[in-house]
N, C-alpha and C. Protein backbone atom coordinates (compact mmCIF):
# COMPACT_ATOMS: atom_id res chain seq x y z
N MET A 1 0.80 -1.27 0.04
CA MET A 1 0.02 -0.06 0.01
C MET A 1 0.83 1.12 0.08
N THR A 2 2.01 1.07 0.69
CA THR A 2 2.82 2.33 0.93
C THR A 2 3.43 2.70 -0.46
N GLY A 3 3.91 1.58 -1.20
CA GLY A 3 4.48 1.65 -2.56
C GLY A 3 3.48 2.31 -3.57
N LEU A 4 2.26 1.85 -3.53
CA LEU A 4 1.23 2.54 -4.39
C LEU A 4 1.07 4.01 -4.26
N ILE A 5 1.04 4.67 -2.84
CA ILE A 5 1.03 5.84 -2.56
C ILE A 5 2.25 6.71 -2.96
N GLU A 6 3.53 6.06 -2.76
CA GLU A 6 4.74 6.61 -3.22
C GLU A 6 4.82 6.80 -4.61
N TYR A 7 4.37 5.83 -5.49
CA TYR A 7 4.18 5.56 -6.88
C TYR A 7 3.26 6.96 -7.31
N LEU A 8 2.16 7.02 -6.88
CA LEU A 8 1.04 8.13 -7.25
C LEU A 8 1.74 9.36 -6.95
N LEU A 9 2.48 9.53 -5.73
CA LEU A 9 3.04 11.07 -5.45
C LEU A 9 4.09 11.14 -6.15
N ALA A 10 4.86 10.30 -6.75
CA ALA A 10 6.16 10.46 -7.70
C ALA A 10 5.48 10.81 -9.03
N ASN A 11 4.23 10.37 -9.50
CA ASN A 11 3.63 10.57 -10.75
C ASN A 11 2.35 11.18 -10.63
N PRO A 12 2.40 12.51 -10.58
CA PRO A 12 1.06 13.16 -10.38
C PRO A 12 0.05 13.04 -11.59
N ILE A 13 0.55 12.70 -12.91
CA ILE A 13 -0.18 12.37 -13.90
C ILE A 13 -1.21 11.26 -13.65
N PHE A 14 -0.80 10.35 -12.82
CA PHE A 14 -1.77 9.35 -12.48
C PHE A 14 -2.70 9.64 -11.18
N LEU A 15 -2.05 10.45 -10.34
CA LEU A 15 -3.01 10.91 -9.15
C LEU A 15 -4.17 11.88 -9.52
N LEU A 16 -3.82 12.66 -10.49
CA LEU A 16 -4.85 13.63 -10.74
C LEU A 16 -6.21 13.07 -11.30
N PRO A 17 -6.51 12.03 -11.81
CA PRO A 17 -7.67 11.31 -12.23
C PRO A 17 -8.20 10.76 -11.04
N LEU A 18 -7.45 10.09 -10.27
CA LEU A 18 -7.93 9.52 -9.11
C LEU A 18 -8.47 10.65 -8.00
N LEU A 19 -7.87 11.62 -8.08
CA LEU A 19 -8.43 12.79 -7.23
C LEU A 19 -9.66 13.38 -7.76
N LEU A 20 -9.72 13.53 -9.25
CA LEU A 20 -11.03 13.94 -9.81
C LEU A 20 -12.21 13.11 -9.67
N LEU A 21 -11.84 11.61 -9.60
CA LEU A 21 -12.96 10.67 -9.38
C LEU A 21 -13.35 10.78 -8.04
N ALA A 22 -12.42 10.85 -7.11
CA ALA A 22 -12.86 10.84 -5.57
C ALA A 22 -13.56 12.22 -5.53
N ALA A 23 -13.44 13.31 -5.84
CA ALA A 23 -14.16 14.60 -5.77
C ALA A 23 -15.52 14.15 -6.39
N THR A 24 -15.60 13.79 -7.52
CA THR A 24 -16.93 13.41 -8.23
C THR A 24 -17.68 12.61 -7.25
N MET A 25 -17.36 11.33 -6.95
CA MET A 25 -18.07 10.59 -6.00
C MET A 25 -18.47 11.47 -4.75
N LEU A 26 -17.65 12.30 -4.21
CA LEU A 26 -17.97 12.88 -3.04
C LEU A 26 -19.19 13.74 -3.11
N TYR A 27 -18.99 14.35 -4.33
CA TYR A 27 -20.04 15.62 -4.77
C TYR A 27 -21.36 14.78 -4.92
N ALA A 28 -21.19 13.84 -5.52
CA ALA A 28 -22.66 13.06 -5.80
C ALA A 28 -23.17 12.57 -4.68
N VAL A 29 -22.37 12.13 -3.58
CA VAL A 29 -22.88 11.66 -2.35
C VAL A 29 -23.54 12.76 -1.69
N LEU A 30 -22.82 13.94 -1.50
CA LEU A 30 -23.17 15.07 -0.94
C LEU A 30 -24.56 15.44 -1.55
N LYS A 31 -24.80 15.55 -2.83
CA LYS A 31 -25.85 16.02 -3.47
C LYS A 31 -27.27 15.22 -3.09
N LYS A 32 -26.91 13.76 -3.23
CA LYS A 32 -27.91 13.11 -2.73
C LYS A 32 -28.36 13.25 -1.27
N LEU A 33 -27.44 13.42 -0.28
CA LEU A 33 -27.89 13.56 1.12
C LEU A 33 -28.53 15.06 1.17
N LEU A 34 -28.26 16.10 0.50
CA LEU A 34 -28.80 17.20 0.53
C LEU A 34 -30.29 17.20 0.01
N LYS A 35 -30.65 16.49 -1.08
CA LYS A 35 -31.69 16.40 -1.67
C LYS A 35 -32.69 15.32 -0.72
N LEU A 36 -32.15 14.43 0.05
CA LEU A 36 -32.90 13.63 0.89
C LEU A 36 -33.14 14.56 2.02
N ALA A 37 -32.38 15.45 2.44
CA ALA A 37 -32.67 16.49 3.87
C ALA A 37 -33.73 17.36 3.28
N ALA A 38 -33.76 17.90 2.10
CA ALA A 38 -34.68 18.77 1.78
C ALA A 38 -36.10 17.97 1.71
N ILE A 39 -36.18 16.79 1.23
CA ILE A 39 -37.44 15.92 0.97
C ILE A 39 -38.04 15.76 2.59
N VAL A 40 -37.19 15.44 3.41
CA VAL A 40 -37.45 15.32 4.69
C VAL A 40 -38.11 16.58 5.54
N VAL A 41 -37.33 17.50 5.23
CA VAL A 41 -37.97 19.01 5.74
C VAL A 41 -39.13 19.19 5.13
N ILE A 42 -39.35 19.22 3.94
CA ILE A 42 -40.66 19.33 3.03
C ILE A 42 -41.80 18.48 3.62
N ALA A 43 -41.52 17.29 3.90
CA ALA A 43 -42.44 16.20 4.34
C ALA A 43 -42.84 16.72 5.74
N GLY A 44 -41.92 17.16 6.82
CA GLY A 44 -42.15 17.53 8.01
C GLY A 44 -43.07 18.76 8.08
N VAL A 45 -42.81 19.54 7.31
CA VAL A 45 -43.66 21.06 7.15
C VAL A 45 -44.79 20.31 6.64
N LEU A 46 -45.17 19.75 5.63
CA LEU A 46 -46.41 19.38 5.19
C LEU A 46 -47.30 18.66 6.24
N TYR A 47 -46.42 17.67 6.92
CA TYR A 47 -47.08 16.81 8.21
C TYR A 47 -47.49 17.88 9.18
N SER A 48 -46.94 18.96 9.70
CA SER A 48 -47.10 19.74 10.80
C SER A 48 -48.49 20.72 10.17
N VAL A 49 -48.56 21.01 8.95
CA VAL A 49 -49.49 21.92 8.42
C VAL A 49 -50.96 20.85 8.36
N LEU A 50 -50.56 19.78 8.12
CA LEU A 50 -51.98 18.89 7.93
C LEU A 50 -52.33 18.54 9.41
N ILE A 51 -51.55 18.40 10.47
CA ILE A 51 -52.11 18.40 11.84
C ILE A 51 -52.62 19.26 12.23
N GLU A 52 -51.83 20.73 12.01
CA GLU A 52 -52.58 21.90 12.41
C GLU A 52 -54.15 22.16 11.80
N TYR A 53 -54.28 21.72 10.60
CA TYR A 53 -55.47 21.88 9.79
C TYR A 53 -56.61 21.20 10.35
N PHE A 54 -56.16 19.83 10.81
CA PHE A 54 -57.18 18.99 11.23
C PHE A 54 -57.64 19.28 12.71
N GLY A 55 -56.69 19.96 13.20
CA GLY A 55 -56.95 20.38 14.81
C GLY A 55 -56.58 19.22 15.59
N VAL A 56 -55.70 18.28 15.22
CA VAL A 56 -55.23 17.40 16.37
C VAL A 56 -54.18 17.94 17.33
N GLY A 57 -53.40 18.66 16.48
CA GLY A 57 -52.18 19.33 17.59
C GLY A 57 -51.08 18.53 17.66
N ILE A 58 -49.95 18.95 17.85
CA ILE A 58 -48.88 17.95 17.97
C ILE A 58 -48.36 17.85 19.59
């Protein structure tokens, strides 16, 4: 493992695509998490409005 890291650090031409791939994957995961968080917040607000509308209360 150490040899692979040393090889990549010695040859940045191979390191750049790996870093770009890792950044792209991290961006995709964060984008999905933010989308999921937005859906949860919207669902929570709609649930609260629905409960208040029917008068059950929280």
